[in-house]
């Protein structure tokens, strides 16, 4: 349960709690009891029951009397965002051509809070232990697309992020301190791309470049991800980066034509 100290007068805590109930369900917990939902969301059993039954009345939750689970109708909540966002539709054909050229997987992400969220993806073979789909999220600091997006933030937003970020060591190579991350982000800003070597998952390397709007603001990132056994950092920079940069330039050009008035695609 979120403490409402410091909340604005317009803040509706019941809406926050209802959304927390929906987020309680995930791949590891597709079904939950009333008590489990109450515990995960830090709610009383009575409050959890009201939220669950209201969501059931609205068609977002189903129950057999004991177990609760989400229905496909929850996809409507994300569809409004995805359908109004031109970036995935514009980017995907370019990703398909890029994948055909380099024979490696490619994706597009946007920034949502402190995470990257996948909004488009064209896979080749599975190279991660975690399946990646549209909607998958990872901590921005440990991914090439996240670093491109963080490097594109205004200075005040980046400073606030670096002040609050907690850097979990996802692998032995994961960046360890905010100071080290700041140094990496300065390099990304200067060179215009990011290469991350096995910081999110052992055996995974990736290179990412920013997608920009007509004003030059970073609104997304595209990447190519590879297995470390097949590609060195040097070969990524030499063989894959030029194709990625050419692809991003085409996405940028198409975005300006497809939606010249939309200048921000980043969430949160």
Protein backbone atom coordinates (compact mmCIF):
# COMPACT_ATOMS: atom_id res chain seq x y z
CA UNK A 1 0.00 0.00 0.00
CA UNK A 2 1.54 3.34 -1.01
CA UNK A 3 1.85 6.03 1.60
CA UNK A 4 -0.07 9.09 0.42
CA UNK A 5 2.26 11.54 2.20
CA UNK A 6 3.37 14.09 -0.36
CA UNK A 7 0.69 13.15 -2.89
CA UNK A 8 -1.00 15.89 -4.85
CA UNK A 9 -4.60 16.76 -3.95
CA UNK A 10 -5.87 15.16 -7.16
CA UNK A 11 -4.30 11.76 -6.36
CA UNK A 12 -6.88 8.92 -6.24
CA UNK A 13 -5.46 6.22 -4.00
CA UNK A 14 -8.24 3.73 -4.77
CA UNK A 15 -7.23 3.82 -8.45
CA UNK A 16 -3.60 3.21 -7.49
CA UNK A 17 -4.63 0.21 -5.41
CA UNK A 18 -6.87 -1.20 -8.12
CA UNK A 19 -4.00 -1.05 -10.60
CA UNK A 20 -1.72 -2.69 -8.03
CA UNK A 21 -4.18 -5.60 -7.83
CA UNK A 22 -3.95 -6.08 -11.60
CA UNK A 23 -0.14 -5.93 -11.48
CA UNK A 24 -0.07 -8.58 -8.76
CA UNK A 25 -0.68 -11.19 -11.46
CA UNK A 26 2.32 -12.09 -13.61
CA UNK A 27 3.94 -15.02 -15.39
CA UNK A 28 4.99 -16.50 -12.06
CA UNK A 29 1.59 -15.90 -10.46
CA UNK A 30 -1.14 -16.35 -13.12
CA UNK A 31 -3.59 -17.37 -10.40
CA UNK A 32 -3.82 -15.97 -6.88
CA UNK A 33 -6.04 -16.41 -3.86
CA UNK A 34 -7.66 -13.48 -2.11
CA UNK A 35 -5.12 -13.74 0.72
CA UNK A 36 -2.20 -13.73 -1.73
CA UNK A 37 -3.48 -10.62 -3.50
CA UNK A 38 -3.96 -8.88 -0.14
CA UNK A 39 -0.39 -9.77 0.90
CA UNK A 40 1.26 -8.77 -2.40
CA UNK A 41 -0.60 -5.44 -2.55
CA UNK A 42 -0.40 -4.74 1.19
CA UNK A 43 -4.19 -4.54 1.45
CA UNK A 44 -6.66 -5.85 3.98
CA UNK A 45 -8.56 -8.95 2.88
CA UNK A 46 -11.76 -6.91 2.76
CA UNK A 47 -10.22 -4.26 0.49
CA UNK A 48 -8.60 -6.87 -1.77
CA UNK A 49 -11.94 -8.65 -2.07
CA UNK A 50 -13.73 -5.42 -3.12
CA UNK A 51 -11.11 -4.67 -5.78
CA UNK A 52 -11.11 -8.22 -7.13
CA UNK A 53 -14.89 -8.46 -7.31
CA UNK A 54 -15.13 -5.04 -8.97
CA UNK A 55 -12.55 -6.11 -11.56
CA UNK A 56 -14.52 -9.33 -12.06
CA UNK A 57 -17.74 -7.32 -12.60
CA UNK A 58 -15.87 -5.24 -15.21
CA UNK A 59 -14.59 -8.35 -16.97
CA UNK A 60 -10.88 -7.96 -16.16
CA UNK A 61 -10.71 -10.80 -13.61
CA UNK A 62 -12.26 -14.27 -13.44
CA UNK A 63 -12.68 -16.47 -10.38
CA UNK A 64 -13.79 -19.98 -9.52
CA UNK A 65 -14.72 -18.88 -6.03
CA UNK A 66 -11.24 -19.42 -4.59
CA UNK A 67 -8.62 -18.61 -7.23
CA UNK A 68 -8.52 -15.38 -9.22
CA UNK A 69 -6.87 -14.75 -12.60
CA UNK A 70 -6.82 -12.04 -15.26
CA UNK A 71 -8.89 -12.24 -18.43
CA UNK A 72 -7.73 -11.22 -21.92
CA UNK A 73 -9.71 -8.02 -21.49
CA UNK A 74 -6.80 -6.50 -19.53
CA UNK A 75 -5.00 -6.20 -22.88
CA UNK A 76 -7.37 -3.31 -23.64
CA UNK A 77 -5.58 -1.27 -20.98
CA UNK A 78 -2.31 -1.39 -22.90
CA UNK A 79 -3.76 -1.40 -26.37
CA UNK A 80 -4.81 2.25 -26.22
CA UNK A 81 -1.17 3.23 -25.71
CA UNK A 82 0.25 0.88 -28.31
CA UNK A 83 -2.36 1.73 -30.93
CA UNK A 84 -1.85 5.46 -30.51
CA UNK A 85 1.93 5.15 -30.68
CA UNK A 86 3.23 5.32 -34.22
CA UNK A 87 6.71 4.14 -33.32
CA UNK A 88 6.10 0.34 -33.33
CA UNK A 89 4.17 0.39 -36.61
CA UNK A 90 6.79 2.53 -38.32
CA UNK A 91 9.76 0.65 -36.89
CA UNK A 92 8.75 -2.96 -37.44
CA UNK A 93 9.20 -3.16 -41.24
CA UNK A 94 12.66 -1.65 -40.83
CA UNK A 95 13.50 -4.16 -38.09
CA UNK A 96 12.44 -6.99 -40.38
CA UNK A 97 14.81 -5.79 -43.11
CA UNK A 98 17.61 -5.33 -40.59
CA UNK A 99 17.15 -8.86 -39.23
CA UNK A 100 17.20 -10.22 -42.79
CA UNK A 101 20.55 -8.45 -43.32
CA UNK A 102 22.36 -9.36 -40.11
CA UNK A 103 20.53 -12.59 -39.12
CA UNK A 104 20.26 -11.47 -35.50
CA UNK A 105 17.29 -10.34 -33.40
CA UNK A 106 16.29 -6.68 -33.28
CA UNK A 107 13.95 -4.71 -31.04
CA UNK A 108 12.66 -1.23 -30.23
CA UNK A 109 12.16 0.02 -26.68
CA UNK A 110 10.87 3.15 -24.97
CA UNK A 111 11.55 4.36 -21.45
CA UNK A 112 8.85 3.78 -18.83
CA UNK A 113 9.96 5.14 -15.48
CA UNK A 114 13.32 3.50 -14.76
CA UNK A 115 12.71 0.53 -17.08
CA UNK A 116 12.82 -0.09 -20.80
CA UNK A 117 9.67 -1.56 -22.33
CA UNK A 118 9.73 -3.46 -25.61
CA UNK A 119 7.25 -2.03 -28.13
CA UNK A 120 8.46 -3.88 -31.25
CA UNK A 121 10.58 -6.99 -31.77
CA UNK A 122 11.70 -9.21 -34.64
CA UNK A 123 13.45 -12.30 -33.26
CA UNK A 124 15.63 -14.86 -34.98
CA UNK A 125 16.63 -17.43 -32.36
CA UNK A 126 16.13 -17.35 -28.63
CA UNK A 127 19.38 -16.28 -26.95
CA UNK A 128 18.07 -15.36 -23.50
CA UNK A 129 16.71 -17.50 -20.70
CA UNK A 130 13.85 -15.01 -20.37
CA UNK A 131 11.47 -14.86 -23.32
CA UNK A 132 11.17 -11.34 -24.75
CA UNK A 133 7.87 -10.09 -26.13
CA UNK A 134 6.20 -6.74 -26.67
CA UNK A 135 5.61 -5.43 -23.16
CA UNK A 136 8.70 -7.09 -21.63
CA UNK A 137 10.59 -4.73 -19.35
CA UNK A 138 14.14 -4.64 -18.00
CA UNK A 139 16.06 -2.16 -15.83
CA UNK A 140 17.35 0.55 -18.12
CA UNK A 141 20.87 0.71 -16.69
CA UNK A 142 21.74 -2.88 -17.70
CA UNK A 143 20.63 -2.75 -21.34
CA UNK A 144 22.02 -1.10 -24.45
CA UNK A 145 18.66 0.43 -25.34
CA UNK A 146 18.23 1.66 -21.78
CA UNK A 147 21.58 3.41 -21.84
CA UNK A 148 20.75 5.10 -25.14
CA UNK A 149 17.45 6.29 -23.67
CA UNK A 150 19.03 7.43 -20.40
CA UNK A 151 21.77 9.27 -22.28
CA UNK A 152 19.05 11.09 -24.20
CA UNK A 153 17.35 12.44 -21.08
CA UNK A 154 17.62 16.12 -20.18
CA UNK A 155 20.37 16.71 -17.64
CA UNK A 156 18.00 17.28 -14.71
CA UNK A 157 16.06 14.09 -15.39
CA UNK A 158 19.25 12.08 -15.75
CA UNK A 159 20.63 13.50 -12.50
CA UNK A 160 17.43 12.55 -10.68
CA UNK A 161 17.62 9.02 -12.11
CA UNK A 162 21.25 8.59 -11.05
CA UNK A 163 20.38 9.81 -7.54
CA UNK A 164 17.62 7.24 -7.04
CA UNK A 165 18.74 4.20 -9.06
CA UNK A 166 19.64 1.02 -7.19
CA UNK A 167 22.06 -1.03 -9.27
CA UNK A 168 21.40 -4.74 -8.80
CA UNK A 169 24.28 -6.93 -9.97
CA UNK A 170 22.46 -9.00 -12.60
CA UNK A 171 25.77 -10.54 -13.71
CA UNK A 172 29.38 -10.16 -12.61
CA UNK A 173 29.79 -7.56 -15.38
CA UNK A 174 26.83 -5.32 -14.48
CA UNK A 175 27.78 -1.70 -13.86
CA UNK A 176 28.31 -1.39 -10.11
CA UNK A 177 27.98 2.29 -9.16
CA UNK A 178 26.06 5.39 -10.29
CA UNK A 179 29.41 7.08 -10.97
CA UNK A 180 30.44 4.28 -13.33
CA UNK A 181 27.04 4.41 -15.01
CA UNK A 182 27.35 8.18 -15.43
CA UNK A 183 30.69 7.67 -17.16
CA UNK A 184 29.16 5.09 -19.51
CA UNK A 185 26.24 7.40 -20.34
CA UNK A 186 28.60 10.26 -21.17
CA UNK A 187 30.37 7.96 -23.60
CA UNK A 188 27.04 6.94 -25.15
CA UNK A 189 26.06 10.58 -25.62
CA UNK A 190 29.36 11.34 -27.29
CA UNK A 191 29.47 8.37 -29.66
CA UNK A 192 25.74 8.06 -30.43
CA UNK A 193 25.32 4.38 -29.59
CA UNK A 194 25.72 1.89 -26.73
CA UNK A 195 27.25 -1.57 -26.58
CA UNK A 196 26.49 -3.66 -23.49
CA UNK A 197 28.55 -6.78 -22.90
CA UNK A 198 26.83 -9.43 -20.77
CA UNK A 199 25.54 -7.03 -18.11
CA UNK A 200 21.88 -8.08 -18.33
CA UNK A 201 22.55 -11.78 -18.86
CA UNK A 202 25.68 -13.87 -19.28
CA UNK A 203 26.30 -14.67 -22.93
CA UNK A 204 24.23 -11.74 -24.25
CA UNK A 205 25.76 -8.76 -26.05
CA UNK A 206 23.79 -5.97 -27.70
CA UNK A 207 24.25 -2.70 -29.52
CA UNK A 208 21.64 0.08 -29.56
CA UNK A 209 21.15 3.46 -31.21
CA UNK A 210 18.68 6.26 -30.47
CA UNK A 211 15.51 6.96 -32.43
CA UNK A 212 14.85 10.69 -32.58
CA UNK A 213 11.90 12.94 -33.38
CA UNK A 214 12.07 15.87 -35.77
CA UNK A 215 13.35 18.12 -32.98
CA UNK A 216 16.22 15.73 -32.23
CA UNK A 217 14.84 14.43 -28.92
CA UNK A 218 15.43 10.74 -28.18
CA UNK A 219 12.03 9.02 -28.20
CA UNK A 220 13.07 5.38 -28.46
CA UNK A 221 15.95 3.03 -29.13
CA UNK A 222 16.58 0.15 -31.51
CA UNK A 223 19.04 -2.65 -30.94
CA UNK A 224 20.60 -5.80 -32.31
CA UNK A 225 21.24 -8.55 -29.74
CA UNK A 226 23.67 -11.42 -30.24
CA UNK A 227 25.18 -14.35 -28.41
CA UNK A 228 28.65 -13.64 -27.06
CA UNK A 229 30.01 -16.89 -28.50
CA UNK A 230 29.23 -15.70 -32.04
CA UNK A 231 30.14 -12.02 -31.89
CA UNK A 232 32.90 -10.11 -30.14
CA UNK A 233 32.44 -6.49 -29.13
CA UNK A 234 34.76 -5.55 -31.98
CA UNK A 235 32.74 -7.47 -34.58
CA UNK A 236 29.53 -5.91 -33.27
CA UNK A 237 30.98 -2.44 -33.75
CA UNK A 238 32.43 -3.30 -37.17
CA UNK A 239 29.74 -5.50 -38.72
CA UNK A 240 26.43 -4.74 -36.99
CA UNK A 241 26.56 -1.12 -35.90
CA UNK A 242 26.62 0.37 -39.45
CA UNK A 243 23.47 -1.59 -40.38
CA UNK A 244 21.75 -0.54 -37.14
CA UNK A 245 22.59 3.14 -37.63
CA UNK A 246 21.28 3.04 -41.21
CA UNK A 247 18.07 1.40 -40.01
CA UNK A 248 17.54 3.98 -37.27
CA UNK A 249 18.04 6.80 -39.76
CA UNK A 250 15.25 5.33 -41.90
CA UNK A 251 12.96 4.99 -38.87
CA UNK A 252 13.64 8.61 -37.95
CA UNK A 253 12.79 9.76 -41.47
CA UNK A 254 9.57 7.74 -41.61
CA UNK A 255 8.46 8.96 -38.18
CA UNK A 256 8.77 12.57 -39.30
CA UNK A 257 6.55 11.82 -42.28
CA UNK A 258 4.07 9.53 -40.52
CA UNK A 259 3.43 11.75 -37.51
CA UNK A 260 5.11 15.14 -37.76
CA UNK A 261 3.24 16.58 -34.76
CA UNK A 262 4.11 13.88 -32.25
CA UNK A 263 7.40 14.79 -30.62
CA UNK A 264 7.51 12.48 -27.60
CA UNK A 265 7.10 8.71 -27.59
CA UNK A 266 8.68 8.07 -24.21
CA UNK A 267 6.33 6.95 -21.45
CA UNK A 268 6.40 8.12 -17.87
